[in-house]
Structure formats: structure tokens, C-alpha cells
Amino acid sequence: MALTTYTPSAADATGNARTFPAASEEATLAASPYYGSAKWHYKPLADEVLQLIRQDQTTYCTADYSRTSTTSQQPITGMSLTLVAGKKYAIDGIFFTAIGDGGHKMDWYGGTVGASSFIIQQDTYNGSGITTDQATALNTEIIVSTTSVMAIRVSGYIAATAAGATGTLVPRFAQASSNGASSTVKAGSWLRARMIG
């Protein structure tokens, strides 16, 4: 079977610095009856970029992240998602926690990413049941004063916008009220973004 080589643009033909294909070029490739079959063979670097842009992203905490005697929101170490402007994502994850007497609060900091549409639901699991809260805008605090929280499950959606091609979405965490007993997001907590449109 003959292979057809797809070169994203003439400027990339030398194999040096490469750029992601223009929307029209990608559309041409995607419209081909051979797209995704063995008949198509495109430049390796371009193929890697296509996969990178489209792949699911999962990030996680490699160590406990604690906040003590402070209500100042700060990014949870290791928890950052890079989103592509103009794309839509489903978000899910679980934050395992140990919450002290100060309770906890979270928000979703846009950083270098904006949103034309955003919604996040947080289900807080504690010894007596589940509390559900929802935010429909970035940087909106969800405050939970309960101290016996074992985990926080999140699910949501974002239509990303950004000044450049990509931006970052970061969950931030702090105590609801300042207290000497720390509130902690535990190692192994994870967060995922799946491109859906």
C-alpha cells in the first residue's frame, strides 16, 4: 500500500522549527477518507504535535499540600492544566483531604486562561454525608466549614479563551477561617481535563 506523506506547510519542509498546521490544513487532512488509516503517513514531529494538542491531561500531587493559619488562596502544587484557546474541556478529579478546624475553601484560578463558559461542581465527602456546591465563573470561592472532610470530587466544563494559543487553569486552596490546625490536600490527589470540542 502506497503511503501519502502529509507536510503541514512548506516552511516546515526542512524539518527545522515546526509550527502546528493551520486550521484549513488540519481540516483537509481530517476530511480525507484515509485519515487515521495506514495510507496516511505525515511528518513525525507534526504527528506528535497533533497528539499532544488533543490528548487528555492528568496532573496530580506528588506530596501533601497544607495551608495553616491563613485564608489566602494559593495554587495547589503540581495541579495545573494547560488548555488550548478555543477548545472545550470536561474536567474531573479527586482531592483527598485532611481538614483541620479552619475548614477549607477552593477556587479555580484562570491564570493565563479565560472562559467563555465555565461550570464546576464540587462534591465534598465527610463523615455525615455529601455536600454539593457549584461555581459558574472562574475565581469564585467555594467555602466549606466542615472539618471532617475526607475527599472532594470535582466535575465540570470549560470553554477556554486566552490571549495566546494556550493558558493554564489552576485550582487554589486555603482555610475557610485561619486556624493553627492545618487543612491539607493529600499526595495522590489528581485532576484531569479531556478535550471534547
Protein backbone atom coordinates (compact mmCIF):
# COMPACT_ATOMS: atom_id res chain seq x y z
CA MET A 1 0.00 0.00 0.00
CA ALA A 2 1.44 3.37 -1.01
CA LEU A 3 1.88 5.94 1.73
CA THR A 4 0.97 9.57 1.24
CA THR A 5 3.24 11.99 3.10
CA TYR A 6 1.49 14.99 4.66
CA THR A 7 3.67 18.07 5.13
CA PRO A 8 1.93 20.73 7.32
CA SER A 9 3.41 23.67 5.41
CA ALA A 10 6.22 24.44 3.01
CA ALA A 11 8.07 26.39 5.67
CA ASP A 12 8.39 23.18 7.68
CA ALA A 13 9.73 21.04 4.89
CA THR A 14 13.32 21.32 6.14
CA GLY A 15 12.39 19.63 9.41
CA ASN A 16 13.69 22.53 11.50
CA ALA A 17 11.43 24.68 13.70
CA ARG A 18 7.91 23.44 13.03
CA THR A 19 4.53 25.03 13.59
CA PHE A 20 1.16 23.41 14.23
CA PRO A 21 -0.85 23.07 10.98
CA ALA A 22 -3.26 25.85 10.15
CA ALA A 23 -6.93 25.05 10.73
CA SER A 24 -7.53 24.73 6.98
CA GLU A 25 -4.67 22.25 6.61
CA GLU A 26 -5.86 20.16 9.51
CA ALA A 27 -9.39 20.19 8.11
CA THR A 28 -8.07 18.96 4.75
CA LEU A 29 -6.28 16.10 6.46
CA ALA A 30 -9.24 15.20 8.68
CA ALA A 31 -11.61 15.19 5.68
CA SER A 32 -9.55 12.62 3.83
CA PRO A 33 -11.08 9.11 3.62
CA TYR A 34 -7.66 7.83 4.61
CA TYR A 35 -7.35 9.88 7.80
CA GLY A 36 -6.33 7.61 10.66
CA SER A 37 -5.53 4.72 8.29
CA ALA A 38 -2.24 3.18 7.25
CA LYS A 39 -2.41 5.05 3.93
CA TRP A 40 -1.57 8.31 5.65
CA HIS A 41 1.92 8.96 6.87
CA TYR A 42 2.67 12.50 7.99
CA LYS A 43 5.84 14.08 9.30
CA PRO A 44 6.71 12.61 12.75
CA LEU A 45 7.00 15.95 14.54
CA ALA A 46 3.68 17.16 13.14
CA ASP A 47 2.08 13.89 14.28
CA GLU A 48 3.45 14.35 17.79
CA VAL A 49 2.05 17.89 17.96
CA LEU A 50 -1.38 16.71 16.82
CA GLN A 51 -1.41 14.07 19.56
CA LEU A 52 -0.15 16.49 22.19
CA ILE A 53 -2.83 19.09 21.42
CA ARG A 54 -5.63 16.53 21.55
CA GLN A 55 -4.61 14.25 24.38
CA ASP A 56 -6.21 14.10 27.79
CA GLN A 57 -4.22 15.79 30.54
CA THR A 58 -3.88 14.38 34.04
CA THR A 59 -1.95 16.09 36.81
CA TYR A 60 -1.50 15.04 40.43
CA CYS A 61 0.02 15.94 43.79
CA THR A 62 3.32 14.22 44.48
CA ALA A 63 3.36 15.47 48.09
CA ASP A 64 0.88 16.76 50.66
CA TYR A 65 -0.07 20.42 50.25
CA SER A 66 -1.04 22.13 53.52
CA ARG A 67 -2.37 25.54 54.49
CA THR A 68 -2.05 26.66 58.11
CA SER A 69 -3.24 29.86 59.80
CA THR A 70 -4.18 31.50 56.51
CA THR A 71 -7.21 32.18 54.35
CA SER A 72 -5.11 33.29 51.39
CA GLN A 73 -5.78 31.15 48.33
CA GLN A 74 -2.68 29.66 46.72
CA PRO A 75 -2.22 27.24 43.79
CA ILE A 76 -2.10 23.58 44.81
CA THR A 77 1.43 22.42 43.98
CA GLY A 78 1.51 20.20 40.90
CA MET A 79 -2.10 20.88 39.93
CA SER A 80 -2.05 22.87 36.69
CA LEU A 81 -3.80 22.19 33.39
CA THR A 82 -2.68 23.70 30.08
CA LEU A 83 -5.68 24.47 27.90
CA VAL A 84 -5.85 25.50 24.25
CA ALA A 85 -7.76 28.66 23.37
CA GLY A 86 -10.98 27.97 21.52
CA LYS A 87 -11.25 24.39 22.79
CA LYS A 88 -13.80 22.86 25.16
CA TYR A 89 -12.91 20.55 28.04
CA ALA A 90 -14.58 18.24 30.53
CA ILE A 91 -12.88 18.41 33.93
CA ASP A 92 -12.86 15.80 36.66
CA GLY A 93 -10.73 14.78 39.61
CA ILE A 94 -10.49 13.84 43.27
CA PHE A 95 -8.76 15.80 46.03
CA PHE A 96 -8.05 13.60 49.06
CA THR A 97 -8.02 15.79 52.14
CA ALA A 98 -7.40 16.12 55.86
CA ILE A 99 -9.24 19.25 57.01
CA GLY A 100 -8.49 20.95 60.33
CA ASP A 101 -10.69 23.24 62.43
CA GLY A 102 -10.34 26.06 59.89
CA GLY A 103 -12.30 24.17 57.23
CA HIS A 104 -11.31 24.86 53.64
CA LYS A 105 -12.11 26.86 50.54
CA MET A 106 -11.20 26.44 46.87
CA ASP A 107 -11.44 28.41 43.69
CA TRP A 108 -10.43 27.87 40.07
CA TYR A 109 -7.89 30.45 39.02
CA GLY A 110 -7.78 31.28 35.33
CA GLY A 111 -4.19 32.49 35.39
CA THR A 112 -3.44 32.92 31.68
CA VAL A 113 -6.68 31.27 30.54
CA GLY A 114 -10.15 32.77 30.36
CA ALA A 115 -13.52 31.15 29.78
CA SER A 116 -16.49 31.99 27.61
CA SER A 117 -18.33 29.33 29.59
CA PHE A 118 -17.38 27.65 32.88
CA ILE A 119 -19.07 25.46 35.47
CA ILE A 120 -17.58 23.34 38.24
CA GLN A 121 -19.34 21.12 40.76
CA GLN A 122 -17.62 20.12 43.98
CA ASP A 123 -18.95 17.18 45.99
CA THR A 124 -17.46 17.24 49.49
CA TYR A 125 -17.42 13.89 51.29
CA ASN A 126 -17.38 13.84 55.08
CA GLY A 127 -18.36 11.52 57.89
CA SER A 128 -22.02 12.51 57.78
CA GLY A 129 -22.72 12.71 54.05
CA ILE A 130 -22.03 14.71 50.91
CA THR A 131 -22.25 18.47 50.42
CA THR A 132 -22.57 19.75 46.84
CA ASP A 133 -21.52 23.24 45.72
CA GLN A 134 -21.25 24.82 42.30
CA ALA A 135 -19.43 27.77 40.71
CA THR A 136 -20.22 29.22 37.29
CA ALA A 137 -17.30 31.64 36.94
CA LEU A 138 -13.53 31.42 37.33
CA ASN A 139 -12.05 32.74 40.60
CA THR A 140 -15.28 32.05 42.53
CA GLU A 141 -14.63 30.75 46.05
CA ILE A 142 -16.41 27.64 47.30
CA ILE A 143 -16.23 27.71 51.10
CA VAL A 144 -16.81 24.63 53.26
CA SER A 145 -16.57 24.99 57.03
CA THR A 146 -16.91 21.22 57.73
CA THR A 147 -13.78 19.80 59.35
CA SER A 148 -14.23 16.05 58.78
CA VAL A 149 -13.76 16.19 55.01
CA MET A 150 -12.14 13.09 53.54
CA ALA A 151 -12.32 13.90 49.83
CA ILE A 152 -13.55 16.44 47.29
CA ARG A 153 -14.75 15.17 43.90
CA VAL A 154 -14.89 17.74 41.11
CA SER A 155 -16.57 17.65 37.71
CA GLY A 156 -17.06 20.48 35.27
CA TYR A 157 -16.73 22.10 31.88
CA ILE A 158 -14.78 25.00 30.41
CA ALA A 159 -14.74 26.66 27.01
CA ALA A 160 -11.24 28.14 27.08
CA THR A 161 -10.15 31.53 25.81
CA ALA A 162 -6.66 33.02 26.08
CA ALA A 163 -4.51 35.85 24.80
CA GLY A 164 -2.13 33.34 23.21
CA ALA A 165 -2.52 29.80 21.93
CA THR A 166 -2.63 28.21 25.38
CA GLY A 167 -3.32 29.09 29.01
CA THR A 168 -3.30 27.45 32.43
CA LEU A 169 -6.14 26.57 34.78
CA VAL A 170 -5.15 26.10 38.42
CA PRO A 171 -7.19 25.06 41.50
CA ARG A 172 -6.34 27.13 44.58
CA PHE A 173 -6.81 26.12 48.21
CA ALA A 174 -6.81 27.69 51.68
CA GLN A 175 -8.50 27.53 55.06
CA ALA A 176 -12.02 28.93 55.33
CA SER A 177 -11.01 30.58 58.62
CA SER A 178 -7.49 30.99 59.89
CA ASN A 179 -6.57 28.19 62.29
CA GLY A 180 -3.43 26.54 63.64
CA ALA A 181 -4.71 23.08 62.68
CA SER A 182 -3.71 22.70 59.04
CA SER A 183 -6.00 21.85 56.12
CA THR A 184 -4.30 19.53 53.64
CA VAL A 185 -4.71 18.23 50.11
CA LYS A 186 -3.01 14.84 50.17
CA ALA A 187 -0.47 13.34 47.80
CA GLY A 188 -2.15 11.25 45.13
CA SER A 189 -4.94 13.76 44.53
CA TRP A 190 -5.48 14.11 40.79
CA LEU A 191 -7.09 16.35 38.20
CA ARG A 192 -7.90 15.69 34.55
CA ALA A 193 -9.01 17.70 31.51
CA ARG A 194 -10.42 15.95 28.43
CA MET A 195 -10.83 17.85 25.19
CA ILE A 196 -14.41 17.37 23.97
CA GLY A 197 -14.76 20.05 21.31
